[in-house]
Protein backbone atom coordinates (compact mmCIF):
# COMPACT_ATOMS: atom_id res chain seq x y z
CA MET A 1 17.26 -26.65 -80.91
CA LYS A 2 17.02 -30.14 -82.38
CA THR A 3 16.39 -31.58 -78.91
CA THR A 4 13.66 -29.01 -78.31
CA LYS A 5 11.89 -30.00 -81.57
CA ILE A 6 12.00 -33.70 -80.61
CA ILE A 7 10.52 -33.00 -77.17
CA THR A 8 7.83 -30.80 -78.75
CA ALA A 9 6.91 -33.54 -81.23
CA LEU A 10 6.69 -36.13 -78.46
CA LEU A 11 4.44 -33.86 -76.40
CA LEU A 12 2.12 -33.32 -79.38
CA ALA A 13 1.95 -37.06 -79.99
CA ILE A 14 0.99 -37.72 -76.37
CA LEU A 15 -1.58 -34.93 -76.34
CA CYS A 16 -3.19 -36.16 -79.56
CA THR A 17 -3.54 -39.75 -78.33
CA PRO A 18 -7.36 -40.26 -78.21
CA ILE A 19 -7.73 -41.36 -74.59
CA PHE A 20 -9.62 -38.50 -72.97
CA THR A 21 -8.88 -35.61 -75.33
CA SER A 22 -9.36 -35.42 -79.07
CA CYS A 23 -7.00 -33.03 -80.91
CA ASN A 24 -9.20 -33.20 -84.00
CA SER A 25 -12.08 -31.39 -82.30
CA LYS A 26 -12.70 -28.83 -79.60
CA ASP A 27 -14.54 -31.39 -77.42
CA GLU A 28 -12.72 -32.58 -74.32
CA VAL A 29 -13.93 -35.57 -72.29
CA GLU A 30 -13.34 -35.57 -68.56
CA LYS A 31 -14.44 -37.72 -65.64
CA VAL A 32 -16.89 -35.89 -63.44
CA SER A 33 -18.09 -37.09 -60.04
CA SER A 34 -21.68 -36.59 -58.90
CA PRO A 35 -23.57 -37.64 -55.74
CA SER A 36 -25.06 -41.10 -56.21
CA SER A 37 -27.76 -41.21 -53.49
CA PRO A 38 -27.38 -44.62 -51.74
CA ARG A 39 -30.75 -46.32 -51.41
CA SER A 40 -30.38 -49.84 -49.98
CA LEU A 41 -27.74 -52.12 -48.49
CA THR A 42 -27.09 -55.87 -48.45
CA ALA A 43 -24.01 -57.83 -47.38
CA ALA A 44 -22.33 -61.16 -48.06
CA SER A 45 -18.83 -62.68 -48.10
CA GLY A 46 -17.07 -59.63 -46.71
CA LYS A 47 -18.73 -57.07 -48.95
CA VAL A 48 -21.58 -54.62 -48.58
CA TYR A 49 -23.50 -53.95 -51.78
CA ILE A 50 -24.71 -50.37 -52.09
CA VAL A 51 -27.65 -49.73 -54.41
CA GLN A 52 -27.54 -46.16 -55.71
CA TYR A 53 -30.59 -44.33 -57.01
CA ASP A 54 -28.65 -43.03 -60.01
CA GLY A 55 -28.71 -46.55 -61.48
CA HIS A 56 -25.64 -48.26 -60.06
CA VAL A 57 -24.51 -50.84 -57.50
CA THR A 58 -21.13 -50.48 -55.79
CA GLN A 59 -19.12 -52.94 -53.69
CA LEU A 60 -17.75 -51.92 -50.29
CA ASP A 61 -14.97 -53.99 -48.72
CA THR A 62 -15.88 -54.47 -45.05
CA THR A 63 -12.26 -55.07 -44.00
CA ASN A 64 -10.69 -51.80 -45.14
CA LEU A 65 -13.95 -49.90 -45.80
CA SER A 66 -12.89 -48.99 -49.33
CA LEU A 67 -15.22 -48.78 -52.32
CA GLY A 68 -14.72 -51.29 -55.11
CA GLN A 69 -16.26 -52.00 -58.46
CA THR A 70 -19.43 -50.27 -59.68
CA ILE A 71 -21.88 -51.71 -62.21
CA THR A 72 -24.97 -50.32 -63.94
CA VAL A 73 -28.48 -51.68 -63.31
CA GLY A 74 -31.92 -50.28 -64.15
CA ALA A 75 -33.50 -46.88 -63.63
CA ASN A 76 -33.80 -45.60 -60.04
CA PRO A 77 -33.04 -48.89 -58.23
CA ASP A 78 -34.31 -49.16 -54.68
CA ALA A 79 -34.62 -52.27 -52.49
CA SER A 80 -32.29 -55.27 -52.82
CA VAL A 81 -31.78 -58.76 -51.45
CA ILE A 82 -29.16 -61.52 -51.68
CA VAL A 83 -30.05 -65.20 -52.14
CA ASN A 84 -28.18 -68.10 -53.77
CA ASN A 85 -25.11 -65.90 -54.35
CA LYS A 86 -27.19 -63.52 -56.45
CA LEU A 87 -28.12 -59.92 -55.77
CA TYR A 88 -31.66 -58.98 -56.79
CA VAL A 89 -32.25 -55.25 -57.28
CA ALA A 90 -35.69 -53.65 -57.74
CA ASN A 91 -35.57 -51.06 -60.51
CA THR A 92 -38.40 -48.62 -59.78
CA GLY A 93 -37.88 -46.11 -62.56
CA GLY A 94 -39.51 -43.72 -60.11
CA MET A 95 -37.82 -40.62 -61.51
CA ALA A 96 -37.85 -41.76 -65.14
CA ALA A 97 -40.35 -40.68 -67.78
CA ILE A 98 -41.52 -44.29 -67.94
CA MET A 99 -41.42 -46.31 -64.72
CA ASP A 100 -39.41 -49.52 -64.73
CA SER A 101 -40.82 -52.97 -64.11
CA THR A 102 -37.71 -55.12 -63.78
CA ILE A 103 -35.55 -56.87 -61.22
CA SER A 104 -31.83 -56.89 -62.03
CA VAL A 105 -30.08 -60.17 -61.19
CA ILE A 106 -26.36 -59.87 -60.40
CA ASP A 107 -24.04 -62.87 -60.10
CA LEU A 108 -21.90 -62.03 -57.06
CA SER A 109 -19.07 -64.34 -58.13
CA THR A 110 -18.48 -62.18 -61.23
CA PHE A 111 -20.31 -59.02 -60.11
CA LYS A 112 -22.09 -58.79 -63.44
CA GLU A 113 -25.76 -58.40 -64.24
CA THR A 114 -26.92 -61.64 -65.85
CA LYS A 115 -30.55 -60.79 -66.59
CA LYS A 116 -33.53 -58.62 -65.86
CA ILE A 117 -36.80 -60.23 -64.71
CA LYS A 118 -40.01 -58.44 -65.65
CA VAL A 119 -42.46 -57.88 -62.79
CA ASN A 120 -45.26 -55.41 -62.13
CA LEU A 121 -44.66 -51.70 -62.62
CA ASN A 122 -42.55 -49.79 -60.07
CA PRO A 123 -41.13 -52.60 -57.86
CA ALA A 124 -40.05 -51.12 -54.52
CA GLY A 125 -39.82 -53.83 -51.85
CA ILE A 126 -37.96 -57.13 -52.14
CA LYS A 127 -37.15 -60.05 -49.80
CA ALA A 128 -36.19 -63.70 -50.14
CA ASP A 129 -37.11 -66.89 -48.28
CA SER A 130 -34.84 -69.75 -47.30
CA TYR A 131 -35.98 -71.78 -50.32
CA GLY A 132 -34.56 -69.27 -52.80
CA ASP A 133 -37.84 -67.67 -53.84
CA VAL A 134 -37.83 -63.88 -54.11
CA TYR A 135 -40.87 -61.79 -53.16
CA VAL A 136 -41.56 -58.35 -54.62
CA ILE A 137 -43.94 -55.52 -53.72
CA SER A 138 -44.64 -53.11 -56.55
CA ASN A 139 -46.49 -49.80 -56.38
CA GLY A 140 -47.90 -49.61 -59.91
CA ASP A 141 -48.49 -46.09 -61.22
CA TYR A 142 -50.75 -45.02 -58.32
CA THR A 143 -53.69 -44.47 -60.69
CA ASN A 144 -54.54 -47.01 -63.40
CA ILE A 145 -52.07 -49.81 -62.66
CA PRO A 146 -52.43 -51.20 -59.12
CA GLY A 147 -49.60 -52.45 -56.96
CA LYS A 148 -48.98 -56.17 -56.58
CA PHE A 149 -47.33 -58.75 -54.33
CA GLN A 150 -45.43 -61.27 -56.47
CA ARG A 151 -43.11 -64.26 -56.13
CA ILE A 152 -40.12 -65.04 -58.38
CA GLU A 153 -39.64 -68.80 -58.27
CA ALA A 154 -36.15 -70.13 -57.55
CA GLY A 155 -34.58 -71.93 -60.50
CA THR A 156 -37.14 -70.93 -63.14
CA ASP A 157 -37.60 -67.19 -62.42
CA LYS A 158 -41.31 -67.67 -63.04
CA VAL A 159 -43.28 -64.69 -61.69
CA THR A 160 -46.56 -65.42 -59.90
CA ASP A 161 -49.07 -62.95 -58.48
CA ILE A 162 -50.03 -63.49 -54.83
CA ASP A 163 -53.52 -62.44 -53.83
CA VAL A 164 -52.46 -60.51 -50.74
CA LYS A 165 -52.43 -56.73 -50.39
CA ALA A 166 -49.06 -55.47 -49.23
CA LYS A 167 -47.30 -52.18 -48.58
CA ASN A 168 -44.25 -53.55 -46.75
CA PHE A 169 -43.02 -56.89 -45.39
CA ASP A 170 -40.32 -58.95 -43.77
CA ILE A 171 -39.59 -62.68 -44.00
CA ILE A 172 -38.36 -64.75 -41.05
CA GLY A 173 -38.36 -68.55 -41.27
CA ASP A 174 -41.39 -69.78 -43.18
CA ASN A 175 -43.49 -66.68 -42.55
CA ALA A 176 -43.82 -63.41 -44.41
CA TYR A 177 -45.10 -60.66 -42.11
CA ILE A 178 -47.00 -58.25 -44.34
CA SER A 179 -48.01 -54.72 -43.40
CA ASN A 180 -50.84 -53.08 -45.30
CA PHE A 181 -53.24 -50.16 -45.07
CA GLU A 182 -55.80 -48.42 -47.26
CA TYR A 183 -57.02 -44.88 -47.88
CA ASP A 184 -60.68 -44.04 -47.33
CA LYS A 185 -62.69 -41.57 -49.43
CA ASN A 186 -61.18 -38.68 -47.46
CA PHE A 187 -57.65 -40.02 -48.03
CA ALA A 188 -57.31 -40.91 -44.38
CA VAL A 189 -55.33 -44.08 -43.63
CA SER A 190 -57.52 -47.00 -42.55
CA ASN A 191 -57.59 -50.81 -42.30
CA LYS A 192 -54.06 -51.13 -40.90
CA THR A 193 -53.18 -54.81 -40.80
CA ILE A 194 -50.35 -57.29 -40.40
CA ALA A 195 -50.95 -60.52 -42.31
CA ILE A 196 -49.05 -63.80 -42.13
CA TYR A 197 -48.23 -65.61 -45.36
CA ASP A 198 -46.70 -69.11 -45.30
CA VAL A 199 -43.87 -69.05 -47.87
CA LYS A 200 -43.25 -72.81 -47.63
CA ASN A 201 -46.80 -73.85 -48.45
CA GLU A 202 -47.55 -70.67 -50.42
CA LYS A 203 -50.76 -69.73 -48.64
CA LEU A 204 -52.23 -66.98 -46.48
CA VAL A 205 -52.37 -68.07 -42.85
CA ASN A 206 -53.98 -65.03 -41.25
CA ALA A 207 -55.25 -61.85 -42.91
CA ASN A 208 -54.67 -59.78 -39.77
CA ILE A 209 -53.05 -60.75 -36.46
CA ILE A 210 -53.27 -57.38 -34.67
CA SER A 211 -56.24 -55.79 -32.90
CA THR A 212 -54.40 -52.80 -31.42
CA GLU A 213 -55.45 -49.42 -32.78
CA ILE A 214 -52.49 -48.05 -34.73
CA VAL A 215 -52.02 -44.29 -34.80
CA LYS A 216 -50.44 -42.69 -37.86
CA THR A 217 -49.34 -44.50 -41.03
CA PRO A 218 -47.31 -47.76 -41.04
CA TYR A 219 -43.89 -47.01 -42.50
CA CYS A 220 -41.59 -49.95 -41.77
CA ILE A 221 -41.81 -53.51 -40.49
CA ASP A 222 -38.95 -55.65 -39.18
CA VAL A 223 -39.12 -58.95 -37.30
CA ASN A 224 -36.64 -60.03 -34.63
CA PRO A 225 -35.17 -63.27 -36.04
CA VAL A 226 -34.72 -64.74 -32.54
CA THR A 227 -37.87 -63.80 -30.62
CA LYS A 228 -40.11 -63.32 -33.71
CA ASP A 229 -41.34 -60.07 -32.16
CA ILE A 230 -42.75 -57.76 -34.81
CA TYR A 231 -41.68 -54.10 -34.95
CA LEU A 232 -43.98 -51.72 -36.82
CA GLY A 233 -42.82 -48.12 -37.27
CA VAL A 234 -45.46 -45.47 -37.97
CA THR A 235 -45.34 -41.85 -39.13
CA ASP A 236 -47.30 -38.74 -40.08
CA TYR A 237 -44.32 -37.65 -42.24
CA THR A 238 -43.79 -34.43 -40.24
CA ASN A 239 -43.59 -35.10 -36.51
CA ASN A 240 -41.80 -37.74 -34.46
CA GLY A 241 -43.00 -41.27 -35.11
CA LYS A 242 -43.66 -44.31 -32.98
CA MET A 243 -42.48 -47.93 -32.89
CA TYR A 244 -44.95 -50.66 -31.92
CA CYS A 245 -43.76 -54.07 -30.80
CA PHE A 246 -46.08 -57.07 -31.15
CA LYS A 247 -45.46 -60.64 -30.15
CA GLU A 248 -45.33 -63.34 -32.81
CA ASP A 249 -49.09 -63.95 -32.53
CA GLY A 250 -49.90 -60.23 -32.89
CA THR A 251 -50.44 -59.53 -29.17
CA TYR A 252 -49.46 -55.99 -28.18
CA ASN A 253 -46.12 -55.93 -26.34
CA PHE A 254 -44.90 -52.34 -25.95
CA GLU A 255 -44.25 -49.11 -27.85
CA PHE A 256 -41.81 -46.18 -27.80
CA ASN A 257 -41.36 -42.88 -29.58
CA THR A 258 -38.92 -42.45 -32.46
CA GLY A 259 -37.73 -39.65 -34.68
CA VAL A 260 -39.42 -38.58 -37.91
CA ASN A 261 -40.20 -41.42 -40.34
CA PRO A 262 -38.77 -44.55 -38.65
CA SER A 263 -37.54 -46.60 -41.60
CA LYS A 264 -35.47 -49.56 -40.34
CA THR A 265 -34.80 -51.58 -37.19
CA VAL A 266 -31.68 -53.67 -36.54
CA PHE A 267 -31.11 -55.93 -33.54
CA SER A 268 -27.95 -56.37 -31.49
CA LYS A 269 -25.99 -59.61 -31.68
CA ASP A 270 -26.84 -60.45 -28.05
CA ASN A 271 -30.49 -59.50 -28.66
CA LYS A 272 -30.50 -57.11 -25.70
CA SER A 273 -31.02 -53.94 -27.68
CA LEU A 274 -32.04 -52.54 -31.03
CA ILE A 275 -31.41 -49.42 -33.11
CA VAL A 276 -34.03 -47.62 -35.18
CA LEU A 277 -33.04 -45.54 -38.19
CA ASN A 278 -35.16 -42.41 -38.52
CA GLU A 279 -35.27 -41.22 -42.10
CA GLY A 280 -36.16 -37.64 -41.12
CA LYS A 281 -37.77 -35.15 -43.48
CA TYR A 282 -36.28 -34.82 -46.94
CA GLU A 283 -33.88 -31.86 -47.09
CA ALA A 284 -34.38 -31.13 -43.37
CA ASN A 285 -31.03 -32.73 -42.47
CA ASN A 286 -32.59 -34.47 -39.45
CA ALA A 287 -31.95 -38.18 -39.99
CA GLY A 288 -31.03 -39.91 -36.74
CA LEU A 289 -31.03 -43.02 -34.58
CA ASN A 290 -32.94 -44.31 -31.56
CA PHE A 291 -31.27 -46.81 -29.24
CA PHE A 292 -33.70 -49.06 -27.35
CA ASP A 293 -32.71 -51.27 -24.40
CA LEU A 294 -34.85 -54.42 -24.56
CA THR A 295 -34.15 -55.29 -20.93
CA THR A 296 -35.13 -51.99 -19.32
CA LYS A 297 -37.51 -50.95 -22.13
CA THR A 298 -35.92 -47.51 -22.29
CA SER A 299 -35.21 -45.48 -25.41
CA THR A 300 -32.34 -43.08 -26.11
CA ASP A 301 -33.28 -40.35 -28.60
CA ASN A 302 -30.73 -38.73 -30.92
CA TYR A 303 -28.37 -41.65 -30.29
CA PHE A 304 -26.00 -40.88 -33.18
CA LEU A 305 -25.79 -37.22 -32.18
CA LEU A 306 -25.07 -38.10 -28.55
CA LYS A 307 -22.33 -40.55 -29.49
CA ASN A 308 -20.65 -38.49 -32.22
CA ASN A 309 -21.44 -34.82 -31.49
CA ARG A 310 -22.84 -34.33 -34.98
CA GLY A 311 -25.92 -35.17 -36.98
CA LEU A 312 -26.29 -38.24 -39.17
CA GLY A 313 -27.23 -36.30 -42.29
CA ASP A 314 -30.15 -35.88 -44.65
CA THR A 315 -32.62 -38.74 -45.27
CA GLY A 316 -31.58 -42.01 -43.64
CA GLN A 317 -32.65 -44.60 -46.16
CA ASP A 318 -31.42 -48.03 -45.03
CA MET A 319 -29.35 -49.72 -42.34
CA ILE A 320 -27.84 -53.18 -41.83
CA ARG A 321 -25.70 -54.85 -39.18
CA TYR A 322 -22.89 -56.95 -40.62
CA GLY A 323 -20.20 -58.34 -38.37
CA SER A 324 -19.16 -55.81 -35.74
CA LYS A 325 -20.35 -52.80 -37.69
CA ILE A 326 -23.60 -51.09 -38.67
CA TYR A 327 -23.80 -49.55 -42.14
CA ILE A 328 -26.21 -46.68 -42.79
CA ALA A 329 -27.20 -45.33 -46.22
CA VAL A 330 -27.92 -41.60 -45.97
CA TYR A 331 -29.66 -40.83 -49.23
CA LYS A 332 -29.71 -37.05 -49.69
CA SER A 333 -26.29 -36.60 -48.07
CA SER A 334 -24.91 -39.30 -50.43
CA ILE A 335 -22.86 -41.01 -47.75
CA ILE A 336 -22.47 -44.39 -46.09
CA GLU A 337 -22.01 -43.95 -42.35
CA VAL A 338 -20.22 -46.86 -40.66
CA ILE A 339 -20.56 -47.13 -36.88
CA ASP A 340 -19.46 -49.60 -34.24
CA ALA A 341 -22.40 -51.93 -33.57
CA VAL A 342 -21.78 -51.90 -29.80
CA THR A 343 -20.68 -48.35 -29.02
CA GLY A 344 -22.48 -46.42 -31.77
CA ILE A 345 -19.33 -44.42 -32.46
CA SER A 346 -18.59 -43.54 -36.08
CA ILE A 347 -15.78 -45.51 -37.69
CA LYS A 348 -15.88 -43.90 -41.11
CA THR A 349 -18.04 -41.66 -43.28
CA ILE A 350 -17.83 -42.73 -46.91
CA PRO A 351 -18.88 -40.25 -49.64
CA MET A 352 -20.80 -41.92 -52.46
CA VAL A 353 -20.15 -40.56 -55.95
CA THR A 354 -20.43 -41.88 -59.48
CA LEU A 355 -17.87 -41.01 -62.16
CA THR A 356 -19.40 -40.09 -65.50
CA ASP A 357 -18.02 -38.78 -68.77
CA LYS A 358 -18.60 -35.09 -69.45
CA VAL A 359 -17.80 -33.45 -72.76
CA ALA A 360 -16.53 -29.91 -72.41
CA LYS A 361 -16.84 -27.69 -75.44
């Protein structure tokens, strides 16, 4: 009986230790996992950095494909870029009551946020040049506050407006390739352009290098770092899209059909092929890949499905090639799909969740 009382007392002492449960109230705190909606991907020094729309960034070890530390950034973070051992994350605040206007700066050596840099409202696109400057496209509030193209100066973090209209862009070498379009009075898309901005001398070189008539709405732009060919994906948001390829000077090269909402292009290591990520329609579960052979100029539709006998998921948001693997952020499905960069075969599907405290009454 005495032994039983001692054991009972010890159990009560453990239970009343205020770690997750308080014995002085009826509230119980537990860790609850929720989908975290991966939005953008960057990689450096053996890690992929996953920006999650719920306000976090998580490390992924590329050797064992295990998730590591998670830190908090701003509201509804979207695009990201790495330069000078720092990760810059655009906090859009797109789902918040008040949109954000900051860029989180994360020191990768400590994986801690060191500051937030104030830019224009609703920053959504971000890239860096080889000189350490970071360039940001913001959307404003779509009514009273216009979008902007801005530069964050390396070393000082001074933010400067650039007098160039921009919806999307890529930076290769000393050139920023900037895609833009406008809406006419009937809300039809018009004035579709690709401008060249010299990031070294900080000046506009050419306001528009293309003369080809572009059907549908420009949705993504990626530049081949070897050939400097420009890939412009277009969409009508419902039907299959199209990918245009232009030479470095804007001369039309070729085109091919894609899936719905082509959102990202990555190039093979040997530069003989490319893969296009098709975002698909939100909640239609039709994200997918196109494989394009640059030698034969032939496209393979539904590439992921053909290689893996299953769909990619819902809303393909971003894709990068790092080492021998391709990493794909599938937003609505809340997964990172890792495939072999050569074969296209899935290596691992990684569920993305965030642990939060929940108080149960």
